[in-house]
C-alpha atoms as a PDB file:
ATOM      1  CA  MET A   1       0.000   0.000   0.000  1.00  0.00           C
ATOM      2  CA  SER A   2       1.351   3.395  -0.990  1.00  0.00           C
ATOM      3  CA  LEU A   3       1.633   6.048   1.699  1.00  0.00           C
ATOM      4  CA  ASN A   4       1.601   9.754   0.833  1.00  0.00           C
ATOM      5  CA  ASN A   5       2.777  11.284   4.111  1.00  0.00           C
ATOM      6  CA  ILE A   6       6.279   9.749   4.095  1.00  0.00           C
ATOM      7  CA  SER A   7       9.221  12.129   3.751  1.00  0.00           C
ATOM      8  CA  SER A   8      12.226  11.325   1.593  1.00  0.00           C
ATOM      9  CA  VAL A   9      14.382  11.264   4.749  1.00  0.00           C
ATOM     10  CA  ASP A  10      12.127   8.606   6.282  1.00  0.00           C
ATOM     11  CA  ALA A  11      12.216   6.636   3.026  1.00  0.00           C
ATOM     12  CA  LYS A  12      16.033   6.741   3.037  1.00  0.00           C
ATOM     13  CA  LYS A  13      16.053   5.437   6.616  1.00  0.00           C
ATOM     14  CA  ALA A  14      13.670   2.656   5.559  1.00  0.00           C
ATOM     15  CA  GLU A  15      16.061   1.523   2.805  1.00  0.00           C
ATOM     16  CA  VAL A  16      18.904   0.756   5.232  1.00  0.00           C
ATOM     17  CA  PRO A  17      17.695  -2.611   6.624  1.00  0.00           C
ATOM     18  CA  HIS A  18      17.083  -3.958   3.132  1.00  0.00           C
ATOM     19  CA  GLU A  19      20.497  -2.771   1.931  1.00  0.00           C
ATOM     20  CA  ILE A  20      22.231  -4.483   4.871  1.00  0.00           C
ATOM     21  CA  PHE A  21      20.376  -7.739   4.296  1.00  0.00           C
ATOM     22  CA  LEU A  22      21.003  -7.652   0.535  1.00  0.00           C
ATOM     23  CA  PHE A  23      24.692  -7.011   1.173  1.00  0.00           C
ATOM     24  CA  ASN A  24      24.755 -10.081   3.415  1.00  0.00           C
ATOM     25  CA  LEU A  25      22.962 -12.296   0.904  1.00  0.00           C
ATOM     26  CA  VAL A  26      24.530 -11.120  -2.360  1.00  0.00           C
ATOM     27  CA  GLY A  27      27.786  -9.468  -1.363  1.00  0.00           C
ATOM     28  CA  ASN A  28      28.786 -11.845   1.388  1.00  0.00           C
ATOM     29  CA  HIS A  29      27.139 -15.226   0.778  1.00  0.00           C
ATOM     30  CA  ILE A  30      27.610 -15.169  -2.983  1.00  0.00           C
ATOM     31  CA  LEU A  31      30.453 -12.847  -4.037  1.00  0.00           C
ATOM     32  CA  VAL A  32      32.816 -13.095  -1.059  1.00  0.00           C
ATOM     33  CA  PHE A  33      32.144 -16.837  -0.778  1.00  0.00           C
ATOM     34  CA  ILE A  34      32.963 -17.501  -4.449  1.00  0.00           C
ATOM     35  CA  VAL A  35      36.124 -15.376  -4.324  1.00  0.00           C
ATOM     36  CA  SER A  36      37.186 -17.117  -1.104  1.00  0.00           C
ATOM     37  CA  LEU A  37      36.654 -20.535  -2.664  1.00  0.00           C
ATOM     38  CA  GLY A  38      38.800 -19.498  -5.613  1.00  0.00           C
ATOM     39  CA  ILE A  39      41.812 -18.791  -3.413  1.00  0.00           C
ATOM     40  CA  PHE A  40      41.095 -21.400  -0.724  1.00  0.00           C
ATOM     41  CA  ARG A  41      43.964 -23.765  -1.573  1.00  0.00           C
ATOM     42  CA  SER A  42      46.630 -21.080  -1.392  1.00  0.00           C
ATOM     43  CA  PHE A  43      45.014 -18.823   1.229  1.00  0.00           C
ATOM     44  CA  PRO A  44      42.056 -20.317   3.163  1.00  0.00           C
ATOM     45  CA  TYR A  45      41.493 -17.558   5.705  1.00  0.00           C
ATOM     46  CA  PRO A  46      39.124 -15.287   3.711  1.00  0.00           C
ATOM     47  CA  LEU A  47      36.564 -18.107   3.721  1.00  0.00           C
ATOM     48  CA  TYR A  48      36.254 -17.671   7.482  1.00  0.00           C
ATOM     49  CA  PHE A  49      35.029 -14.111   6.974  1.00  0.00           C
ATOM     50  CA  VAL A  50      31.773 -15.267   5.339  1.00  0.00           C
ATOM     51  CA  PRO A  51      30.128 -16.637   8.515  1.00  0.00           C
ATOM     52  CA  ILE A  52      31.608 -13.836  10.624  1.00  0.00           C
ATOM     53  CA  ILE A  53      30.193 -11.134   8.347  1.00  0.00           C
ATOM     54  CA  SER A  54      26.877 -12.980   8.168  1.00  0.00           C
ATOM     55  CA  VAL A  55      26.527 -13.266  11.948  1.00  0.00           C
ATOM     56  CA  VAL A  56      27.379  -9.580  12.338  1.00  0.00           C
ATOM     57  CA  CYS A  57      24.843  -8.493   9.689  1.00  0.00           C
ATOM     58  CA  LEU A  58      22.056 -10.741  10.976  1.00  0.00           C
ATOM     59  CA  SER A  59      22.698  -9.840  14.625  1.00  0.00           C
ATOM     60  CA  TYR A  60      22.772  -6.145  13.814  1.00  0.00           C
ATOM     61  CA  THR A  61      19.528  -6.422  11.845  1.00  0.00           C
ATOM     62  CA  LEU A  62      17.727  -8.152  14.718  1.00  0.00           C
ATOM     63  CA  TRP A  63      19.185  -5.814  17.348  1.00  0.00           C
ATOM     64  CA  ARG A  64      18.415  -2.703  15.312  1.00  0.00           C
ATOM     65  CA  ALA A  65      14.858  -3.864  14.590  1.00  0.00           C
ATOM     66  CA  LYS A  66      14.203  -4.101  18.335  1.00  0.00           C
ATOM     67  CA  ARG A  67      15.750  -0.690  18.917  1.00  0.00           C
ATOM     68  CA  SER A  68      13.961   0.874  15.954  1.00  0.00           C
ATOM     69  CA  SER A  69      10.757   1.588  17.871  1.00  0.00           C
ATOM     70  CA  VAL A  70      12.686   4.013  20.056  1.00  0.00           C
ATOM     71  CA  ILE A  71      14.766   5.913  17.500  1.00  0.00           C
ATOM     72  CA  ASP A  72      13.131   5.664  14.068  1.00  0.00           C
ATOM     73  CA  PRO A  73      10.063   7.146  12.451  1.00  0.00           C
ATOM     74  CA  TRP A  74       7.148   4.748  11.938  1.00  0.00           C
ATOM     75  CA  PHE A  75       7.880   4.007   8.261  1.00  0.00           C
ATOM     76  CA  ALA A  76      11.525   3.084   8.928  1.00  0.00           C
ATOM     77  CA  PHE A  77      10.461   1.052  11.981  1.00  0.00           C
ATOM     78  CA  CYS A  78       8.113  -0.996   9.794  1.00  0.00           C
ATOM     79  CA  HIS A  79      10.837  -1.727   7.252  1.00  0.00           C
ATOM     80  CA  TRP A  80      13.224  -2.812  10.019  1.00  0.00           C
ATOM     81  CA  GLN A  81      10.541  -5.265  11.175  1.00  0.00           C
ATOM     82  CA  VAL A  82      10.180  -6.642   7.636  1.00  0.00           C
ATOM     83  CA  ALA A  83      13.942  -7.153   7.346  1.00  0.00           C
ATOM     84  CA  ALA A  84      14.121  -8.740  10.821  1.00  0.00           C
ATOM     85  CA  ARG A  85      11.385 -11.216   9.942  1.00  0.00           C
ATOM     86  CA  ARG A  86      13.280 -12.263   6.833  1.00  0.00           C
ATOM     87  CA  ALA A  87      16.559 -12.420   8.754  1.00  0.00           C
ATOM     88  CA  LYS A  88      14.933 -14.837  11.198  1.00  0.00           C
ATOM     89  CA  ALA A  89      13.837 -17.046   8.292  1.00  0.00           C
ATOM     90  CA  PHE A  90      17.404 -17.048   6.968  1.00  0.00           C
ATOM     91  CA  ILE A  91      18.785 -17.913  10.411  1.00  0.00           C
ATOM     92  CA  VAL A  92      16.393 -20.875  10.599  1.00  0.00           C
ATOM     93  CA  MET A  93      17.662 -22.109   7.231  1.00  0.00           C
ATOM     94  CA  LEU A  94      21.283 -21.734   8.325  1.00  0.00           C
ATOM     95  CA  PHE A  95      20.533 -23.764  11.461  1.00  0.00           C
ATOM     96  CA  LEU A  96      18.853 -26.397   9.297  1.00  0.00           C
ATOM     97  CA  LEU A  97      21.974 -26.535   7.115  1.00  0.00           C
ATOM     98  CA  GLY A  98      24.148 -26.867  10.211  1.00  0.00           C
ATOM     99  CA  ALA A  99      21.959 -29.618  11.666  1.00  0.00           C
ATOM    100  CA  VAL A 100      21.932 -31.610   8.420  1.00  0.00           C
ATOM    101  CA  SER A 101      25.701 -31.203   8.098  1.00  0.00           C
ATOM    102  CA  PHE A 102      26.210 -32.354  11.678  1.00  0.00           C
ATOM    103  CA  LEU A 103      23.965 -35.378  11.136  1.00  0.00           C
ATOM    104  CA  GLY A 104      25.890 -36.166   7.961  1.00  0.00           C
ATOM    105  CA  TRP A 105      29.159 -36.019   9.866  1.00  0.00           C
ATOM    106  CA  LEU A 106      27.707 -38.305  12.547  1.00  0.00           C
ATOM    107  CA  GLY A 107      26.530 -40.732   9.874  1.00  0.00           C
ATOM    108  CA  TYR A 108      29.934 -40.788   8.225  1.00  0.00           C
ATOM    109  CA  SER A 109      31.956 -40.958  11.442  1.00  0.00           C
ATOM    110  CA  TYR A 110      29.903 -43.326  13.568  1.00  0.00           C
ATOM    111  CA  LEU A 111      27.474 -45.159  11.282  1.00  0.00           C
ATOM    112  CA  GLY A 112      29.903 -45.932   8.486  1.00  0.00           C
ATOM    113  CA  MET A 113      27.957 -44.129   5.753  1.00  0.00           C
ATOM    114  CA  MET A 114      29.725 -43.646   2.436  1.00  0.00           C
ATOM    115  CA  LYS A 115      31.226 -40.210   1.870  1.00  0.00           C
ATOM    116  CA  GLU A 116      29.246 -39.753  -1.366  1.00  0.00           C
ATOM    117  CA  ALA A 117      25.960 -40.581   0.383  1.00  0.00           C
ATOM    118  CA  VAL A 118      26.703 -38.025   3.080  1.00  0.00           C
ATOM    119  CA  TYR A 119      27.499 -35.387   0.429  1.00  0.00           C
ATOM    120  CA  ALA A 120      24.202 -36.163  -1.319  1.00  0.00           C
ATOM    121  CA  ILE A 121      22.222 -35.890   1.905  1.00  0.00           C
ATOM    122  CA  ILE A 122      23.891 -32.631   2.929  1.00  0.00           C
ATOM    123  CA  GLY A 123      23.497 -31.218  -0.572  1.00  0.00           C
ATOM    124  CA  GLY A 124      19.877 -32.254  -1.011  1.00  0.00           C
ATOM    125  CA  LEU A 125      18.535 -31.632   2.479  1.00  0.00           C
ATOM    126  CA  GLY A 126      20.794 -28.783   3.584  1.00  0.00           C
ATOM    127  CA  ILE A 127      22.488 -26.793   0.847  1.00  0.00           C
ATOM    128  CA  LEU A 128      19.725 -26.884  -1.785  1.00  0.00           C
ATOM    129  CA  PRO A 129      16.930 -25.592   0.503  1.00  0.00           C
ATOM    130  CA  THR A 130      19.284 -22.931   1.864  1.00  0.00           C
ATOM    131  CA  MET A 131      20.204 -21.748  -1.642  1.00  0.00           C
ATOM    132  CA  VAL A 132      16.557 -21.655  -2.742  1.00  0.00           C
ATOM    133  CA  THR A 133      15.693 -19.691   0.399  1.00  0.00           C
ATOM    134  CA  MET A 134      18.565 -17.294  -0.340  1.00  0.00           C
ATOM    135  CA  LEU A 135      17.307 -16.675  -3.867  1.00  0.00           C
ATOM    136  CA  ILE A 136      13.758 -16.079  -2.640  1.00  0.00           C
ATOM    137  CA  LEU A 137      15.011 -13.730   0.087  1.00  0.00           C
ATOM    138  CA  ILE A 138      17.095 -11.806  -2.450  1.00  0.00           C
ATOM    139  CA  MET A 139      13.972 -11.230  -4.536  1.00  0.00           C
ATOM    140  CA  MET A 140      11.913 -10.299  -1.470  1.00  0.00           C
ATOM    141  CA  GLU A 141      14.555  -7.902  -0.159  1.00  0.00           C
ATOM    142  CA  SER A 142      14.949  -6.288  -3.571  1.00  0.00           C
ATOM    143  CA  ASP A 143      11.197  -5.747  -3.542  1.00  0.00           C
ATOM    144  CA  GLY A 144      11.414  -4.412   0.027  1.00  0.00           C
ATOM    145  CA  LEU A 145      14.062  -1.915  -1.064  1.00  0.00           C
ATOM    146  CA  TYR A 146      11.868  -0.876  -3.996  1.00  0.00           C
ATOM    147  CA  GLN A 147       8.863  -0.503  -1.679  1.00  0.00           C
ATOM    148  CA  ALA A 148      10.868   1.689   0.695  1.00  0.00           C
ATOM    149  CA  ARG A 149      11.846   3.941  -2.210  1.00  0.00           C
ATOM    150  CA  GLN A 150       8.236   4.077  -3.417  1.00  0.00           C
ATOM    151  CA  HIS A 151       6.893   4.835   0.100  1.00  0.00           C
ATOM    152  CA  ARG A 152       5.037   1.528   0.286  1.00  0.00           C
ATOM    153  CA  LEU A 153       4.473  -1.170   2.867  1.00  0.00           C
ATOM    154  CA  PRO A 154       3.025  -4.676   2.639  1.00  0.00           C
ATOM    155  CA  GLU A 155      -0.539  -5.046   3.928  1.00  0.00           C
ATOM    156  CA  TRP A 156       0.478  -7.389   6.753  1.00  0.00           C
ATOM    157  CA  VAL A 157       2.835  -4.720   8.120  1.00  0.00           C
ATOM    158  CA  LEU A 158       0.092  -2.095   8.154  1.00  0.00           C
ATOM    159  CA  GLU A 159      -2.167  -4.507  10.028  1.00  0.00           C
ATOM    160  CA  LYS A 160       0.495  -5.562  12.539  1.00  0.00           C
ATOM    161  CA  PHE A 161       2.026  -2.099  13.128  1.00  0.00           C
ATOM    162  CA  PRO A 162      -0.663   0.555  12.519  1.00  0.00           C
ATOM    163  CA  GLU A 163       0.642   4.112  12.433  1.00  0.00           C
ATOM    164  CA  ASN A 164      -1.877   5.422  14.964  1.00  0.00           C
ATOM    165  CA  ASN A 165      -0.589   2.914  17.583  1.00  0.00           C
ATOM    166  CA  TYR A 166       3.070   3.861  17.098  1.00  0.00           C
ATOM    167  CA  PHE A 167       4.669   5.811  19.910  1.00  0.00           C
ATOM    168  CA  LYS A 168       8.362   6.509  20.226  1.00  0.00           C
ATOM    169  CA  ASN A 169       9.501   5.822  23.779  1.00  0.00           C
END
């Protein structure tokens, strides 16, 4: 839904959570990861930056979304909540990937599963759903960034966080 009473300053503030999350998904999880894999054999340390950057971005998004009700205008607050909801979905997928990987390691180490079978299980039940979720979140965050620039909000946000109930503490 398009809102007419949003200033350009508020719209700029509303773009920030989507830009951070898109940087994490595209810049970190795709670009930095691919570059790090390319130099892994000669210099493996940059690969360790991917999860560190991701944890920092996701933690900051969740922390800032909680703090947003105190310091941001209503429109920016709503966009922080949208980004935080999507960040939580991404965190769930990363935990799923970690759990499947751990179970694969247990199967290989203690149950005598073949290495190829473990790779197939981790790839099919862990990596593939995570990558599909990443692609969907990239599209959703790109749309969220566009909506912030167009002074729009999804209907569910307007229902959950009505403007007349918003009070800065």
